[in-house]
Amino acid sequence: AYFLSLSSEMQSSSAALRTNVFLPTDEEHLCQIRFHYWVSQMSGTLMVGLQKHSEDTVTNIWQVSGELRNQWNINTITINSTKKYEV
């Protein structure tokens, strides 16, 4: 389990968590990432990105902005990748 928190008192305006490297997926071995998140009254965006090991760029695969306030939310993302990857 990983936990990340940003507050208005912190000097940094962004933070990132990275997973371990996952092996490629196929029809029998899909990857699902399930996470809980709380978007407070602060403005900002929570994003989930996918970086394949063969590429330098991170592709945004999910995001939410601060319109959901003061409650826990849950989301599950299914990932398909023919290359090793990190989320």
C-alpha atoms as a PDB file:
ATOM      1  CA  ALA A   1       0.000   0.000   0.000  1.00  0.00           C
ATOM      2  CA  TYR A   2       1.194   3.496  -0.840  1.00  0.00           C
ATOM      3  CA  PHE A   3       0.049   6.804   0.601  1.00  0.00           C
ATOM      4  CA  LEU A   4       0.622  10.319  -0.705  1.00  0.00           C
ATOM      5  CA  SER A   5      -0.680  13.577   0.742  1.00  0.00           C
ATOM      6  CA  LEU A   6      -0.317  17.186  -0.428  1.00  0.00           C
ATOM      7  CA  SER A   7      -1.520  20.099   1.641  1.00  0.00           C
ATOM      8  CA  SER A   8      -1.566  23.861   1.173  1.00  0.00           C
ATOM      9  CA  GLU A   9       1.205  24.194   3.781  1.00  0.00           C
ATOM     10  CA  MET A  10       3.654  22.213   1.650  1.00  0.00           C
ATOM     11  CA  GLN A  11       6.069  24.135  -0.552  1.00  0.00           C
ATOM     12  CA  SER A  12       5.886  21.617  -3.392  1.00  0.00           C
ATOM     13  CA  SER A  13       2.879  21.885  -5.678  1.00  0.00           C
ATOM     14  CA  SER A  14       3.193  18.359  -7.059  1.00  0.00           C
ATOM     15  CA  ALA A  15       4.229  14.868  -6.062  1.00  0.00           C
ATOM     16  CA  ALA A  16       4.459  11.482  -7.756  1.00  0.00           C
ATOM     17  CA  LEU A  17       4.251   7.814  -6.819  1.00  0.00           C
ATOM     18  CA  ARG A  18       5.687   5.175  -9.168  1.00  0.00           C
ATOM     19  CA  THR A  19       4.931   1.468  -9.135  1.00  0.00           C
ATOM     20  CA  ASN A  20       7.418  -1.326  -9.606  1.00  0.00           C
ATOM     21  CA  VAL A  21       8.019  -2.484 -13.168  1.00  0.00           C
ATOM     22  CA  PHE A  22       5.230  -4.753 -14.414  1.00  0.00           C
ATOM     23  CA  LEU A  23       5.609  -7.363 -17.144  1.00  0.00           C
ATOM     24  CA  PRO A  24       3.665  -7.089 -20.417  1.00  0.00           C
ATOM     25  CA  THR A  25       0.005  -8.059 -20.294  1.00  0.00           C
ATOM     26  CA  ASP A  26      -1.863 -10.442 -22.558  1.00  0.00           C
ATOM     27  CA  GLU A  27      -5.447 -11.699 -22.859  1.00  0.00           C
ATOM     28  CA  GLU A  28      -4.990 -14.052 -19.901  1.00  0.00           C
ATOM     29  CA  HIS A  29      -3.040 -11.678 -17.643  1.00  0.00           C
ATOM     30  CA  LEU A  30      -4.601  -8.232 -17.479  1.00  0.00           C
ATOM     31  CA  CYS A  31      -3.419  -5.754 -14.855  1.00  0.00           C
ATOM     32  CA  GLN A  32      -5.896  -3.836 -12.729  1.00  0.00           C
ATOM     33  CA  ILE A  33      -4.866  -1.043 -10.398  1.00  0.00           C
ATOM     34  CA  ARG A  34      -7.386  -0.061  -7.740  1.00  0.00           C
ATOM     35  CA  PHE A  35      -6.927   3.061  -5.652  1.00  0.00           C
ATOM     36  CA  HIS A  36      -8.766   5.296  -3.198  1.00  0.00           C
ATOM     37  CA  TYR A  37      -8.454   9.059  -3.399  1.00  0.00           C
ATOM     38  CA  TRP A  38      -9.701  12.143  -1.622  1.00  0.00           C
ATOM     39  CA  VAL A  39      -9.868  15.443  -3.491  1.00  0.00           C
ATOM     40  CA  SER A  40     -10.250  18.251  -0.985  1.00  0.00           C
ATOM     41  CA  GLN A  41     -11.299  21.849  -1.543  1.00  0.00           C
ATOM     42  CA  MET A  42      -7.857  22.647  -2.940  1.00  0.00           C
ATOM     43  CA  SER A  43      -7.688  23.169  -6.667  1.00  0.00           C
ATOM     44  CA  GLY A  44      -5.603  20.716  -8.627  1.00  0.00           C
ATOM     45  CA  THR A  45      -5.629  17.547 -10.678  1.00  0.00           C
ATOM     46  CA  LEU A  46      -4.899  13.944  -9.769  1.00  0.00           C
ATOM     47  CA  MET A  47      -3.519  12.001 -12.728  1.00  0.00           C
ATOM     48  CA  VAL A  48      -2.544   8.397 -13.426  1.00  0.00           C
ATOM     49  CA  GLY A  49       0.081   7.902 -16.103  1.00  0.00           C
ATOM     50  CA  LEU A  50       1.547   4.903 -17.906  1.00  0.00           C
ATOM     51  CA  GLN A  51       5.208   4.745 -18.937  1.00  0.00           C
ATOM     52  CA  LYS A  52       6.294   1.876 -21.139  1.00  0.00           C
ATOM     53  CA  HIS A  53       9.925   0.859 -20.726  1.00  0.00           C
ATOM     54  CA  SER A  54      10.571   1.363 -24.425  1.00  0.00           C
ATOM     55  CA  GLU A  55       9.417   5.028 -24.245  1.00  0.00           C
ATOM     56  CA  ASP A  56      10.538   8.144 -22.382  1.00  0.00           C
ATOM     57  CA  THR A  57       7.101   9.762 -22.230  1.00  0.00           C
ATOM     58  CA  VAL A  58       4.342   9.204 -19.673  1.00  0.00           C
ATOM     59  CA  THR A  59       0.853   8.769 -21.179  1.00  0.00           C
ATOM     60  CA  ASN A  60      -2.030  10.114 -19.100  1.00  0.00           C
ATOM     61  CA  ILE A  61      -4.588   7.283 -18.741  1.00  0.00           C
ATOM     62  CA  TRP A  62      -6.917   8.794 -16.089  1.00  0.00           C
ATOM     63  CA  GLN A  63      -7.439  12.089 -14.285  1.00  0.00           C
ATOM     64  CA  VAL A  64      -9.831  13.950 -12.002  1.00  0.00           C
ATOM     65  CA  SER A  65      -9.933  17.588 -10.938  1.00  0.00           C
ATOM     66  CA  GLY A  66     -11.084  19.182  -7.709  1.00  0.00           C
ATOM     67  CA  GLU A  67     -14.802  19.079  -8.422  1.00  0.00           C
ATOM     68  CA  LEU A  68     -15.299  16.048  -6.132  1.00  0.00           C
ATOM     69  CA  ARG A  69     -14.942  17.495  -2.656  1.00  0.00           C
ATOM     70  CA  ASN A  70     -14.502  16.122   0.836  1.00  0.00           C
ATOM     71  CA  GLN A  71     -15.225  12.463   0.265  1.00  0.00           C
ATOM     72  CA  TRP A  72     -13.316   9.278  -0.459  1.00  0.00           C
ATOM     73  CA  ASN A  73     -13.626   7.921  -3.977  1.00  0.00           C
ATOM     74  CA  ILE A  74     -12.444   4.658  -5.487  1.00  0.00           C
ATOM     75  CA  ASN A  75     -11.360   3.820  -9.001  1.00  0.00           C
ATOM     76  CA  THR A  76     -10.065   0.769 -10.876  1.00  0.00           C
ATOM     77  CA  ILE A  77      -8.015   1.053 -14.060  1.00  0.00           C
ATOM     78  CA  THR A  78      -7.389  -1.885 -16.406  1.00  0.00           C
ATOM     79  CA  ILE A  79      -4.048  -1.744 -18.198  1.00  0.00           C
ATOM     80  CA  ASN A  80      -2.994  -3.454 -21.414  1.00  0.00           C
ATOM     81  CA  SER A  81       0.617  -3.138 -22.510  1.00  0.00           C
ATOM     82  CA  THR A  82       2.778  -5.227 -24.821  1.00  0.00           C
ATOM     83  CA  LYS A  83       5.922  -3.833 -23.137  1.00  0.00           C
ATOM     84  CA  LYS A  84       7.157  -3.712 -19.546  1.00  0.00           C
ATOM     85  CA  TYR A  85       5.648  -0.666 -17.851  1.00  0.00           C
ATOM     86  CA  GLU A  86       5.282   1.470 -14.736  1.00  0.00           C
ATOM     87  CA  VAL A  87       2.218   3.356 -13.527  1.00  0.00           C
END
